[in-house]
C-alpha atoms as a PDB file:
ATOM      1  CA  MET A   1    -102.657 127.810 196.755  1.00  0.00           C
ATOM      2  CA  VAL A   2    -101.261 128.466 200.048  1.00  0.00           C
ATOM      3  CA  GLU A   3     -98.744 126.038 199.094  1.00  0.00           C
ATOM      4  CA  LEU A   4     -97.728 128.557 195.730  1.00  0.00           C
ATOM      5  CA  ARG A   5     -97.761 131.441 197.307  1.00  0.00           C
ATOM      6  CA  GLU A   6     -95.149 129.697 199.844  1.00  0.00           C
ATOM      7  CA  SER A   7     -92.783 128.369 197.595  1.00  0.00           C
ATOM      8  CA  ALA A   8     -93.047 131.829 195.301  1.00  0.00           C
ATOM      9  CA  ALA A   9     -92.131 133.592 198.614  1.00  0.00           C
ATOM     10  CA  GLU A  10     -89.344 131.228 199.143  1.00  0.00           C
ATOM     11  CA  ALA A  11     -88.139 131.537 195.922  1.00  0.00           C
ATOM     12  CA  VAL A  12     -87.932 135.474 195.759  1.00  0.00           C
ATOM     13  CA  SER A  13     -86.305 135.225 199.336  1.00  0.00           C
ATOM     14  CA  GLN A  14     -83.556 132.843 197.839  1.00  0.00           C
ATOM     15  CA  THR A  15     -82.698 134.552 194.708  1.00  0.00           C
ATOM     16  CA  PRO A  16     -80.667 137.118 196.623  1.00  0.00           C
ATOM     17  CA  ALA A  17     -78.767 134.924 197.927  1.00  0.00           C
ATOM     18  CA  LYS A  18     -77.905 132.873 195.009  1.00  0.00           C
ATOM     19  CA  LYS A  19     -77.046 136.021 193.356  1.00  0.00           C
ATOM     20  CA  LYS A  20     -74.703 136.988 195.988  1.00  0.00           C
ATOM     21  CA  ARG A  21     -73.072 133.839 195.718  1.00  0.00           C
ATOM     22  CA  SER A  22     -72.609 134.202 191.620  1.00  0.00           C
ATOM     23  CA  PHE A  23     -71.080 137.905 192.497  1.00  0.00           C
ATOM     24  CA  ARG A  24     -68.620 136.650 195.110  1.00  0.00           C
ATOM     25  CA  LYS A  25     -67.898 133.307 192.140  1.00  0.00           C
ATOM     26  CA  TRP A  26     -67.428 136.051 189.440  1.00  0.00           C
ATOM     27  CA  ARG A  27     -65.378 138.683 192.136  1.00  0.00           C
ATOM     28  CA  GLY A  28     -63.146 135.991 192.919  1.00  0.00           C
ATOM     29  CA  LEU A  29     -62.388 135.139 188.787  1.00  0.00           C
ATOM     30  CA  LEU A  30     -61.865 139.142 188.704  1.00  0.00           C
ATOM     31  CA  TYR A  31     -59.698 139.039 191.443  1.00  0.00           C
ATOM     32  CA  ILE A  32     -57.314 136.167 189.600  1.00  0.00           C
ATOM     33  CA  THR A  33     -57.790 137.526 185.697  1.00  0.00           C
ATOM     34  CA  PRO A  34     -54.152 139.296 186.115  1.00  0.00           C
ATOM     35  CA  TRP A  35     -52.486 136.226 186.841  1.00  0.00           C
ATOM     36  CA  LEU A  36     -54.689 134.408 183.992  1.00  0.00           C
ATOM     37  CA  ILE A  37     -53.282 137.020 181.246  1.00  0.00           C
ATOM     38  CA  GLY A  38     -50.017 137.288 182.134  1.00  0.00           C
ATOM     39  CA  PHE A  39     -50.060 133.249 182.751  1.00  0.00           C
ATOM     40  CA  PHE A  40     -51.243 132.443 179.249  1.00  0.00           C
ATOM     41  CA  VAL A  41     -49.351 135.628 177.927  1.00  0.00           C
ATOM     42  CA  PHE A  42     -45.802 135.115 179.368  1.00  0.00           C
ATOM     43  CA  GLN A  43     -45.537 131.517 179.983  1.00  0.00           C
ATOM     44  CA  PHE A  44     -48.174 129.205 178.337  1.00  0.00           C
ATOM     45  CA  GLY A  45     -47.683 130.961 175.245  1.00  0.00           C
ATOM     46  CA  PRO A  46     -44.248 131.081 174.762  1.00  0.00           C
ATOM     47  CA  LEU A  47     -44.369 127.212 175.902  1.00  0.00           C
ATOM     48  CA  LEU A  48     -46.380 126.564 172.850  1.00  0.00           C
ATOM     49  CA  ALA A  49     -44.476 128.702 170.777  1.00  0.00           C
ATOM     50  CA  SER A  50     -40.553 126.734 171.884  1.00  0.00           C
ATOM     51  CA  PHE A  51     -42.173 123.581 171.242  1.00  0.00           C
ATOM     52  CA  GLY A  52     -42.816 124.722 167.782  1.00  0.00           C
ATOM     53  CA  TYR A  53     -39.977 126.489 166.814  1.00  0.00           C
ATOM     54  CA  SER A  54     -37.938 123.140 168.209  1.00  0.00           C
ATOM     55  CA  PHE A  55     -39.313 121.557 164.843  1.00  0.00           C
ATOM     56  CA  THR A  56     -38.089 124.676 162.833  1.00  0.00           C
ATOM     57  CA  ASN A  57     -35.255 125.900 161.297  1.00  0.00           C
ATOM     58  CA  TYR A  58     -35.211 129.776 162.800  1.00  0.00           C
ATOM     59  CA  ASN A  59     -33.074 132.508 162.732  1.00  0.00           C
ATOM     60  CA  MET A  60     -35.012 135.403 163.964  1.00  0.00           C
ATOM     61  CA  MET A  61     -34.629 137.364 160.667  1.00  0.00           C
ATOM     62  CA  SER A  62     -37.042 135.151 158.264  1.00  0.00           C
ATOM     63  CA  ALA A  63     -40.260 132.917 158.641  1.00  0.00           C
ATOM     64  CA  PRO A  64     -39.021 129.973 160.672  1.00  0.00           C
ATOM     65  CA  LYS A  65     -39.021 126.401 158.083  1.00  0.00           C
ATOM     66  CA  PHE A  66     -40.182 123.138 159.477  1.00  0.00           C
ATOM     67  CA  VAL A  67     -37.539 120.652 159.356  1.00  0.00           C
ATOM     68  CA  GLY A  68     -39.090 117.579 161.552  1.00  0.00           C
ATOM     69  CA  LEU A  69     -37.479 116.325 163.654  1.00  0.00           C
ATOM     70  CA  LYS A  70     -33.478 117.362 162.312  1.00  0.00           C
ATOM     71  CA  ASN A  71     -32.575 119.775 165.325  1.00  0.00           C
ATOM     72  CA  TYR A  72     -33.631 116.959 167.939  1.00  0.00           C
ATOM     73  CA  ILE A  73     -31.267 114.053 165.517  1.00  0.00           C
ATOM     74  CA  GLN A  74     -28.711 116.428 165.068  1.00  0.00           C
ATOM     75  CA  LEU A  75     -28.638 117.274 168.760  1.00  0.00           C
ATOM     76  CA  PHE A  76     -27.627 113.170 169.866  1.00  0.00           C
ATOM     77  CA  THR A  77     -25.853 112.420 166.634  1.00  0.00           C
ATOM     78  CA  ALA A  78     -23.700 115.373 165.042  1.00  0.00           C
ATOM     79  CA  ASP A  79     -23.420 117.835 167.965  1.00  0.00           C
ATOM     80  CA  PRO A  80     -20.190 116.462 170.728  1.00  0.00           C
ATOM     81  CA  GLU A  81     -20.959 119.991 171.870  1.00  0.00           C
ATOM     82  CA  PHE A  82     -24.449 119.232 173.322  1.00  0.00           C
ATOM     83  CA  VAL A  83     -22.594 115.849 174.522  1.00  0.00           C
ATOM     84  CA  LYS A  84     -20.357 117.918 176.329  1.00  0.00           C
ATOM     85  CA  SER A  85     -22.400 120.541 177.592  1.00  0.00           C
ATOM     86  CA  LEU A  86     -25.262 117.367 178.944  1.00  0.00           C
ATOM     87  CA  THR A  87     -22.054 115.721 180.848  1.00  0.00           C
ATOM     88  CA  ALA A  88     -20.614 118.726 182.438  1.00  0.00           C
ATOM     89  CA  THR A  89     -24.319 119.522 183.534  1.00  0.00           C
ATOM     90  CA  LEU A  90     -24.650 116.150 185.293  1.00  0.00           C
ATOM     91  CA  THR A  91     -21.343 116.280 186.474  1.00  0.00           C
ATOM     92  CA  TYR A  92     -22.338 120.094 188.375  1.00  0.00           C
ATOM     93  CA  ALA A  93     -25.953 118.558 189.827  1.00  0.00           C
ATOM     94  CA  CYS A  94     -24.160 115.596 191.089  1.00  0.00           C
ATOM     95  CA  ILE A  95     -21.391 117.479 192.718  1.00  0.00           C
ATOM     96  CA  SER A  96     -23.200 120.852 194.055  1.00  0.00           C
ATOM     97  CA  VAL A  97     -26.817 119.228 194.765  1.00  0.00           C
ATOM     98  CA  PRO A  98     -25.676 116.970 197.362  1.00  0.00           C
ATOM     99  CA  ALA A  99     -22.940 118.957 199.005  1.00  0.00           C
ATOM    100  CA  LYS A 100     -25.040 122.335 199.118  1.00  0.00           C
ATOM    101  CA  LEU A 101     -27.969 120.081 201.119  1.00  0.00           C
ATOM    102  CA  ILE A 102     -25.102 118.318 203.630  1.00  0.00           C
ATOM    103  CA  PHE A 103     -24.051 122.304 204.205  1.00  0.00           C
ATOM    104  CA  ALA A 104     -27.113 123.612 204.720  1.00  0.00           C
ATOM    105  CA  LEU A 105     -28.760 120.889 206.694  1.00  0.00           C
ATOM    106  CA  PHE A 106     -25.324 121.387 208.936  1.00  0.00           C
ATOM    107  CA  VAL A 107     -25.541 124.890 209.533  1.00  0.00           C
ATOM    108  CA  ALA A 108     -29.352 124.463 209.821  1.00  0.00           C
ATOM    109  CA  TYR A 109     -28.665 121.941 213.222  1.00  0.00           C
ATOM    110  CA  ILE A 110     -25.899 124.320 214.553  1.00  0.00           C
ATOM    111  CA  LEU A 111     -28.434 127.079 214.362  1.00  0.00           C
ATOM    112  CA  ASN A 112     -31.209 125.112 216.016  1.00  0.00           C
ATOM    113  CA  PHE A 113     -29.654 125.018 219.155  1.00  0.00           C
ATOM    114  CA  LYS A 114     -30.069 127.924 221.283  1.00  0.00           C
ATOM    115  CA  LEU A 115     -27.257 130.327 220.993  1.00  0.00           C
ATOM    116  CA  LYS A 116     -26.741 133.890 222.169  1.00  0.00           C
ATOM    117  CA  GLY A 117     -27.601 136.165 219.287  1.00  0.00           C
ATOM    118  CA  VAL A 118     -28.976 133.157 217.224  1.00  0.00           C
ATOM    119  CA  ASN A 119     -31.459 135.376 215.269  1.00  0.00           C
ATOM    120  CA  PHE A 120     -28.643 137.341 213.889  1.00  0.00           C
ATOM    121  CA  TYR A 121     -26.861 134.335 212.508  1.00  0.00           C
ATOM    122  CA  ARG A 122     -29.641 133.406 210.550  1.00  0.00           C
ATOM    123  CA  THR A 123     -30.020 136.426 208.910  1.00  0.00           C
ATOM    124  CA  VAL A 124     -26.848 136.497 208.018  1.00  0.00           C
ATOM    125  CA  TYR A 125     -26.310 132.929 206.266  1.00  0.00           C
ATOM    126  CA  TYR A 126     -29.411 133.886 204.453  1.00  0.00           C
ATOM    127  CA  MET A 127     -28.286 136.295 203.260  1.00  0.00           C
ATOM    128  CA  PRO A 128     -25.792 134.506 200.087  1.00  0.00           C
ATOM    129  CA  SER A 129     -29.082 133.127 199.034  1.00  0.00           C
ATOM    130  CA  ILE A 130     -30.217 136.352 197.811  1.00  0.00           C
ATOM    131  CA  LEU A 131     -26.929 137.660 196.454  1.00  0.00           C
ATOM    132  CA  GLY A 132     -25.686 134.360 195.718  1.00  0.00           C
ATOM    133  CA  GLY A 133     -27.304 134.436 191.910  1.00  0.00           C
ATOM    134  CA  SER A 134     -26.072 137.962 190.700  1.00  0.00           C
ATOM    135  CA  ILE A 135     -23.943 139.111 188.024  1.00  0.00           C
ATOM    136  CA  ALA A 136     -21.723 140.833 190.771  1.00  0.00           C
ATOM    137  CA  ILE A 137     -21.553 138.078 192.761  1.00  0.00           C
ATOM    138  CA  SER A 138     -20.609 135.721 190.228  1.00  0.00           C
ATOM    139  CA  ALA A 139     -17.767 138.129 188.771  1.00  0.00           C
ATOM    140  CA  LEU A 140     -16.355 138.629 192.363  1.00  0.00           C
ATOM    141  CA  TRP A 141     -15.804 134.913 193.075  1.00  0.00           C
ATOM    142  CA  LYS A 142     -14.040 134.761 189.460  1.00  0.00           C
ATOM    143  CA  LEU A 143     -11.529 137.786 191.238  1.00  0.00           C
ATOM    144  CA  LEU A 144     -11.745 135.168 194.598  1.00  0.00           C
ATOM    145  CA  PHE A 145      -9.957 132.083 192.412  1.00  0.00           C
ATOM    146  CA  MET A 146      -8.016 133.901 189.968  1.00  0.00           C
ATOM    147  CA  LYS A 147      -3.711 133.215 189.631  1.00  0.00           C
ATOM    148  CA  GLU A 148      -3.322 136.864 191.346  1.00  0.00           C
ATOM    149  CA  GLY A 149      -6.729 136.256 193.319  1.00  0.00           C
ATOM    150  CA  ILE A 150      -7.433 136.514 197.245  1.00  0.00           C
ATOM    151  CA  ILE A 151      -7.988 132.827 197.871  1.00  0.00           C
ATOM    152  CA  ASN A 152      -4.079 132.333 196.395  1.00  0.00           C
ATOM    153  CA  GLY A 153      -2.927 135.230 198.741  1.00  0.00           C
ATOM    154  CA  LEU A 154      -3.970 133.499 201.427  1.00  0.00           C
ATOM    155  CA  LEU A 155      -2.253 130.026 199.786  1.00  0.00           C
ATOM    156  CA  SER A 156       0.489 131.771 200.130  1.00  0.00           C
ATOM    157  CA  ALA A 157       0.708 133.259 203.165  1.00  0.00           C
ATOM    158  CA  ILE A 158       0.892 129.538 204.370  1.00  0.00           C
ATOM    159  CA  ASN A 159       3.565 128.737 202.106  1.00  0.00           C
ATOM    160  CA  ILE A 160       1.740 127.178 199.498  1.00  0.00           C
ATOM    161  CA  GLY A 161       1.968 127.277 195.854  1.00  0.00           C
ATOM    162  CA  PRO A 162      -0.727 129.472 193.737  1.00  0.00           C
ATOM    163  CA  VAL A 163      -3.161 126.938 191.925  1.00  0.00           C
ATOM    164  CA  ASP A 164      -4.459 127.573 188.398  1.00  0.00           C
ATOM    165  CA  TRP A 165      -8.502 127.591 189.620  1.00  0.00           C
ATOM    166  CA  LEU A 166      -9.785 128.750 186.652  1.00  0.00           C
ATOM    167  CA  GLY A 167      -7.496 127.032 184.229  1.00  0.00           C
ATOM    168  CA  THR A 168      -7.752 123.657 185.283  1.00  0.00           C
ATOM    169  CA  PRO A 169     -10.882 121.179 184.212  1.00  0.00           C
ATOM    170  CA  GLY A 170     -11.043 120.082 187.857  1.00  0.00           C
ATOM    171  CA  THR A 171     -10.818 122.952 190.055  1.00  0.00           C
ATOM    172  CA  ALA A 172     -12.885 125.337 187.592  1.00  0.00           C
ATOM    173  CA  MET A 173     -15.604 122.864 188.145  1.00  0.00           C
ATOM    174  CA  ILE A 174     -15.507 122.759 191.541  1.00  0.00           C
ATOM    175  CA  VAL A 175     -15.001 126.614 191.633  1.00  0.00           C
ATOM    176  CA  ILE A 176     -18.870 127.112 190.608  1.00  0.00           C
ATOM    177  CA  CYS A 177     -19.813 124.205 192.346  1.00  0.00           C
ATOM    178  CA  LEU A 178     -18.656 126.354 195.661  1.00  0.00           C
ATOM    179  CA  LEU A 179     -20.512 129.181 194.625  1.00  0.00           C
ATOM    180  CA  GLN A 180     -23.745 127.081 194.275  1.00  0.00           C
ATOM    181  CA  VAL A 181     -23.090 125.652 197.669  1.00  0.00           C
ATOM    182  CA  TRP A 182     -22.721 129.055 198.829  1.00  0.00           C
ATOM    183  CA  GLN A 183     -26.466 129.904 198.310  1.00  0.00           C
ATOM    184  CA  PHE A 184     -27.690 127.691 200.660  1.00  0.00           C
ATOM    185  CA  GLY A 185     -29.726 130.050 202.808  1.00  0.00           C
ATOM    186  CA  SER A 186     -33.252 128.988 201.614  1.00  0.00           C
ATOM    187  CA  SER A 187     -32.233 125.329 202.090  1.00  0.00           C
ATOM    188  CA  MET A 188     -31.048 125.833 205.526  1.00  0.00           C
ATOM    189  CA  VAL A 189     -34.346 128.022 206.395  1.00  0.00           C
ATOM    190  CA  LEU A 190     -36.515 124.689 205.159  1.00  0.00           C
ATOM    191  CA  PHE A 191     -33.954 122.536 207.440  1.00  0.00           C
ATOM    192  CA  LEU A 192     -33.987 125.020 210.212  1.00  0.00           C
ATOM    193  CA  ALA A 193     -37.941 125.203 210.169  1.00  0.00           C
ATOM    194  CA  ALA A 194     -38.097 121.100 210.130  1.00  0.00           C
ATOM    195  CA  LEU A 195     -35.466 120.473 212.583  1.00  0.00           C
ATOM    196  CA  LYS A 196     -37.880 122.413 215.263  1.00  0.00           C
ATOM    197  CA  GLN A 197     -41.234 120.432 214.356  1.00  0.00           C
ATOM    198  CA  ILE A 198     -39.352 117.338 215.288  1.00  0.00           C
ATOM    199  CA  PRO A 199     -41.372 116.257 219.254  1.00  0.00           C
ATOM    200  CA  ALA A 200     -38.530 116.536 221.889  1.00  0.00           C
ATOM    201  CA  GLU A 201     -39.802 113.266 223.277  1.00  0.00           C
ATOM    202  CA  LEU A 202     -38.104 111.797 220.814  1.00  0.00           C
ATOM    203  CA  TYR A 203     -35.178 112.788 221.800  1.00  0.00           C
ATOM    204  CA  GLU A 204     -35.462 112.385 225.873  1.00  0.00           C
ATOM    205  CA  ALA A 205     -36.695 108.781 225.053  1.00  0.00           C
ATOM    206  CA  ALA A 206     -33.482 108.185 223.114  1.00  0.00           C
ATOM    207  CA  GLU A 207     -31.053 109.734 226.097  1.00  0.00           C
ATOM    208  CA  ILE A 208     -32.884 107.644 228.593  1.00  0.00           C
ATOM    209  CA  ASP A 209     -32.031 104.028 226.277  1.00  0.00           C
ATOM    210  CA  GLY A 210     -28.297 105.529 225.954  1.00  0.00           C
ATOM    211  CA  GLY A 211     -28.134 106.811 222.499  1.00  0.00           C
ATOM    212  CA  SER A 212     -25.450 109.513 221.447  1.00  0.00           C
ATOM    213  CA  LYS A 213     -26.169 112.364 219.727  1.00  0.00           C
ATOM    214  CA  VAL A 214     -24.614 110.423 216.452  1.00  0.00           C
ATOM    215  CA  LYS A 215     -27.091 107.833 216.536  1.00  0.00           C
ATOM    216  CA  GLN A 216     -30.086 110.507 217.605  1.00  0.00           C
ATOM    217  CA  PHE A 217     -29.197 112.165 214.622  1.00  0.00           C
ATOM    218  CA  PHE A 218     -29.272 108.863 212.311  1.00  0.00           C
ATOM    219  CA  LYS A 219     -32.105 107.549 213.988  1.00  0.00           C
ATOM    220  CA  ILE A 220     -34.716 110.525 214.826  1.00  0.00           C
ATOM    221  CA  THR A 221     -33.100 113.873 213.090  1.00  0.00           C
ATOM    222  CA  LEU A 222     -32.577 112.620 209.689  1.00  0.00           C
ATOM    223  CA  PRO A 223     -35.717 110.415 209.262  1.00  0.00           C
ATOM    224  CA  MET A 224     -38.231 113.477 210.518  1.00  0.00           C
ATOM    225  CA  ILE A 225     -37.351 115.715 208.245  1.00  0.00           C
ATOM    226  CA  THR A 226     -36.880 113.400 204.965  1.00  0.00           C
ATOM    227  CA  PRO A 227     -39.996 114.995 203.238  1.00  0.00           C
ATOM    228  CA  ILE A 228     -38.094 118.397 203.465  1.00  0.00           C
ATOM    229  CA  VAL A 229     -35.124 116.723 201.894  1.00  0.00           C
ATOM    230  CA  PHE A 230     -36.830 115.163 199.642  1.00  0.00           C
ATOM    231  CA  PHE A 231     -38.588 118.832 198.620  1.00  0.00           C
ATOM    232  CA  ASN A 232     -34.876 120.515 199.067  1.00  0.00           C
ATOM    233  CA  LEU A 233     -33.375 117.472 196.949  1.00  0.00           C
ATOM    234  CA  VAL A 234     -35.741 118.190 193.916  1.00  0.00           C
ATOM    235  CA  MET A 235     -35.909 122.015 194.548  1.00  0.00           C
ATOM    236  CA  GLN A 236     -31.974 122.323 194.312  1.00  0.00           C
ATOM    237  CA  SER A 237     -31.519 119.897 191.198  1.00  0.00           C
ATOM    238  CA  ILE A 238     -34.080 121.680 189.226  1.00  0.00           C
ATOM    239  CA  ASN A 239     -31.792 124.908 189.992  1.00  0.00           C
ATOM    240  CA  ALA A 240     -28.994 123.392 189.238  1.00  0.00           C
ATOM    241  CA  PHE A 241     -29.763 121.885 185.867  1.00  0.00           C
ATOM    242  CA  GLN A 242     -30.584 125.617 184.700  1.00  0.00           C
ATOM    243  CA  ASP A 243     -27.694 127.028 186.037  1.00  0.00           C
ATOM    244  CA  PHE A 244     -26.595 129.678 183.660  1.00  0.00           C
ATOM    245  CA  THR A 245     -24.884 132.511 185.025  1.00  0.00           C
ATOM    246  CA  ALA A 246     -22.023 131.142 187.132  1.00  0.00           C
ATOM    247  CA  ALA A 247     -20.711 129.269 184.177  1.00  0.00           C
ATOM    248  CA  PHE A 248     -21.006 132.174 181.613  1.00  0.00           C
ATOM    249  CA  ILE A 249     -19.325 134.546 184.181  1.00  0.00           C
ATOM    250  CA  ILE A 250     -16.566 132.686 185.713  1.00  0.00           C
ATOM    251  CA  THR A 251     -15.152 130.273 183.522  1.00  0.00           C
ATOM    252  CA  ASN A 252     -17.074 131.169 180.134  1.00  0.00           C
ATOM    253  CA  GLY A 253     -17.466 127.301 179.791  1.00  0.00           C
ATOM    254  CA  GLY A 254     -13.571 126.731 180.000  1.00  0.00           C
ATOM    255  CA  PRO A 255     -10.974 125.427 180.287  1.00  0.00           C
ATOM    256  CA  LEU A 256     -11.777 122.770 177.470  1.00  0.00           C
ATOM    257  CA  LYS A 257     -15.631 122.604 177.691  1.00  0.00           C
ATOM    258  CA  SER A 258     -15.435 121.177 181.057  1.00  0.00           C
ATOM    259  CA  THR A 259     -17.900 123.701 182.783  1.00  0.00           C
ATOM    260  CA  TYR A 260     -20.042 124.558 179.753  1.00  0.00           C
ATOM    261  CA  LEU A 261     -23.606 123.855 180.867  1.00  0.00           C
ATOM    262  CA  ILE A 262     -26.192 123.123 179.036  1.00  0.00           C
ATOM    263  CA  GLY A 263     -27.547 126.563 179.577  1.00  0.00           C
ATOM    264  CA  MET A 264     -24.478 127.925 177.953  1.00  0.00           C
ATOM    265  CA  LYS A 265     -24.774 125.853 174.957  1.00  0.00           C
ATOM    266  CA  LEU A 266     -28.891 127.094 174.508  1.00  0.00           C
ATOM    267  CA  TYR A 267     -28.180 130.771 174.849  1.00  0.00           C
ATOM    268  CA  ASP A 268     -24.582 130.141 172.437  1.00  0.00           C
ATOM    269  CA  GLU A 269     -27.364 128.955 169.778  1.00  0.00           C
ATOM    270  CA  GLY A 270     -30.136 130.920 170.219  1.00  0.00           C
ATOM    271  CA  PHE A 271     -28.732 134.614 170.245  1.00  0.00           C
ATOM    272  CA  ARG A 272     -25.119 134.328 169.458  1.00  0.00           C
ATOM    273  CA  ASN A 273     -25.536 131.904 166.435  1.00  0.00           C
ATOM    274  CA  PHE A 274     -29.089 132.849 165.757  1.00  0.00           C
ATOM    275  CA  LYS A 275     -30.320 129.530 165.773  1.00  0.00           C
ATOM    276  CA  MET A 276     -33.930 129.927 167.848  1.00  0.00           C
ATOM    277  CA  GLY A 277     -35.419 126.779 166.720  1.00  0.00           C
ATOM    278  CA  TYR A 278     -32.532 124.254 167.127  1.00  0.00           C
ATOM    279  CA  ALA A 279     -31.797 126.483 170.712  1.00  0.00           C
ATOM    280  CA  CYS A 280     -35.824 125.019 171.425  1.00  0.00           C
ATOM    281  CA  ALA A 281     -34.851 121.974 171.083  1.00  0.00           C
ATOM    282  CA  ILE A 282     -31.821 122.049 173.745  1.00  0.00           C
ATOM    283  CA  SER A 283     -34.410 123.652 175.716  1.00  0.00           C
ATOM    284  CA  TRP A 284     -37.415 120.600 175.937  1.00  0.00           C
ATOM    285  CA  VAL A 285     -34.089 118.232 176.200  1.00  0.00           C
ATOM    286  CA  LEU A 286     -33.572 119.965 178.942  1.00  0.00           C
ATOM    287  CA  PHE A 287     -36.814 120.203 179.861  1.00  0.00           C
ATOM    288  CA  ALA A 288     -37.271 116.278 179.275  1.00  0.00           C
ATOM    289  CA  ILE A 289     -34.094 115.557 181.174  1.00  0.00           C
ATOM    290  CA  ILE A 290     -35.784 117.358 184.464  1.00  0.00           C
ATOM    291  CA  LEU A 291     -39.254 115.649 184.347  1.00  0.00           C
ATOM    292  CA  LEU A 292     -37.368 112.611 183.968  1.00  0.00           C
ATOM    293  CA  PHE A 293     -34.870 113.201 187.183  1.00  0.00           C
ATOM    294  CA  THR A 294     -37.554 114.461 189.169  1.00  0.00           C
ATOM    295  CA  LEU A 295     -39.966 111.381 188.346  1.00  0.00           C
ATOM    296  CA  LEU A 296     -37.211 108.958 189.428  1.00  0.00           C
ATOM    297  CA  VAL A 297     -36.896 111.261 192.367  1.00  0.00           C
ATOM    298  CA  PHE A 298     -40.328 110.340 193.243  1.00  0.00           C
ATOM    299  CA  ARG A 299     -40.948 107.137 192.506  1.00  0.00           C
ATOM    300  CA  SER A 300     -37.921 106.544 195.122  1.00  0.00           C
ATOM    301  CA  SER A 301     -39.524 108.383 197.564  1.00  0.00           C
ATOM    302  CA  ASP A 302     -41.186 106.011 198.782  1.00  0.00           C
ATOM    303  CA  ALA A 303     -38.709 103.928 200.038  1.00  0.00           C
ATOM    304  CA  TRP A 304     -36.969 106.827 201.630  1.00  0.00           C
ATOM    305  CA  VAL A 305     -38.884 109.064 202.582  1.00  0.00           C
ATOM    306  CA  TYR A 306     -40.844 109.098 206.019  1.00  0.00           C
ATOM    307  CA  TYR A 307     -44.170 110.566 206.743  1.00  0.00           C
ATOM    308  CA  GLU A 308     -45.481 111.149 210.333  1.00  0.00           C
ATOM    309  CA  ASP A 309     -49.229 109.984 209.481  1.00  0.00           C
ATOM    310  CA  GLY A 310     -48.023 107.416 207.120  1.00  0.00           C
ATOM    311  CA  GLY A 311     -49.448 108.990 204.155  1.00  0.00           C
ATOM    312  CA  ASP A 312     -47.815 109.304 200.910  1.00  0.00           C
ATOM    313  CA  PHE A 313     -46.585 112.919 199.270  1.00  0.00           C
END
């Protein structure tokens, strides 16, 4: 009898605690409800819808008609523009991403020294990342590289003839790549944070052994920041594959479709030709390309990414 009373008393004492834990659980769920609604309504829902539309002939004016794999077959067999846009996008990514990471690391390495006013310079160098993706900056970039622009004006001051930056396929690609490289601030901040985490004892030991600054960079600095190199490589490559504004505003895909990025192809098919089903198929092909590239980078990371604890990413 006494044991029954003790059990009942214990159960009564635990009930408020259980209710409190349950309330906390549901309160946490309540806090993330706005995000869940936004995710399912504005991201997951449209994602599923675009996948379904990719198998249809849909012009946004009439009901979609199911066509199976026709859109995907046409992309790879009967659409030379898609091949050109894919080639231009790969070229753009292969030039802009490595150049951006190298330049960001170079600036971060300099800003890691104890210089007078270094905090001001860090802020200034980060500003392009905030402004660089805007339409206004792209329009300004176009003005800089026009035949009568500031760049050719500076070249003429040193007796160099004007260059048709936007009218030649090779130079036009370089111009839009330079805009991407100019937005190096976010990568620079990550590199700077990684550089500050490298133990000073490693450099001291290298100096005692007679290691030069160049050897210290390639034997200590670079291996120690490879996780950040890996992260920046993945993120910046994804951004480059999806880029649209620079090519649209500066070159409009020209000349000769040399800067006709896949983002422009998707836009033209969906919002100019009103082939929304076809545009959805392009978007899913782009998603597959980005996914494949990311998986390849992850797969290769074991060979070149160093983690201090010896663990995997």
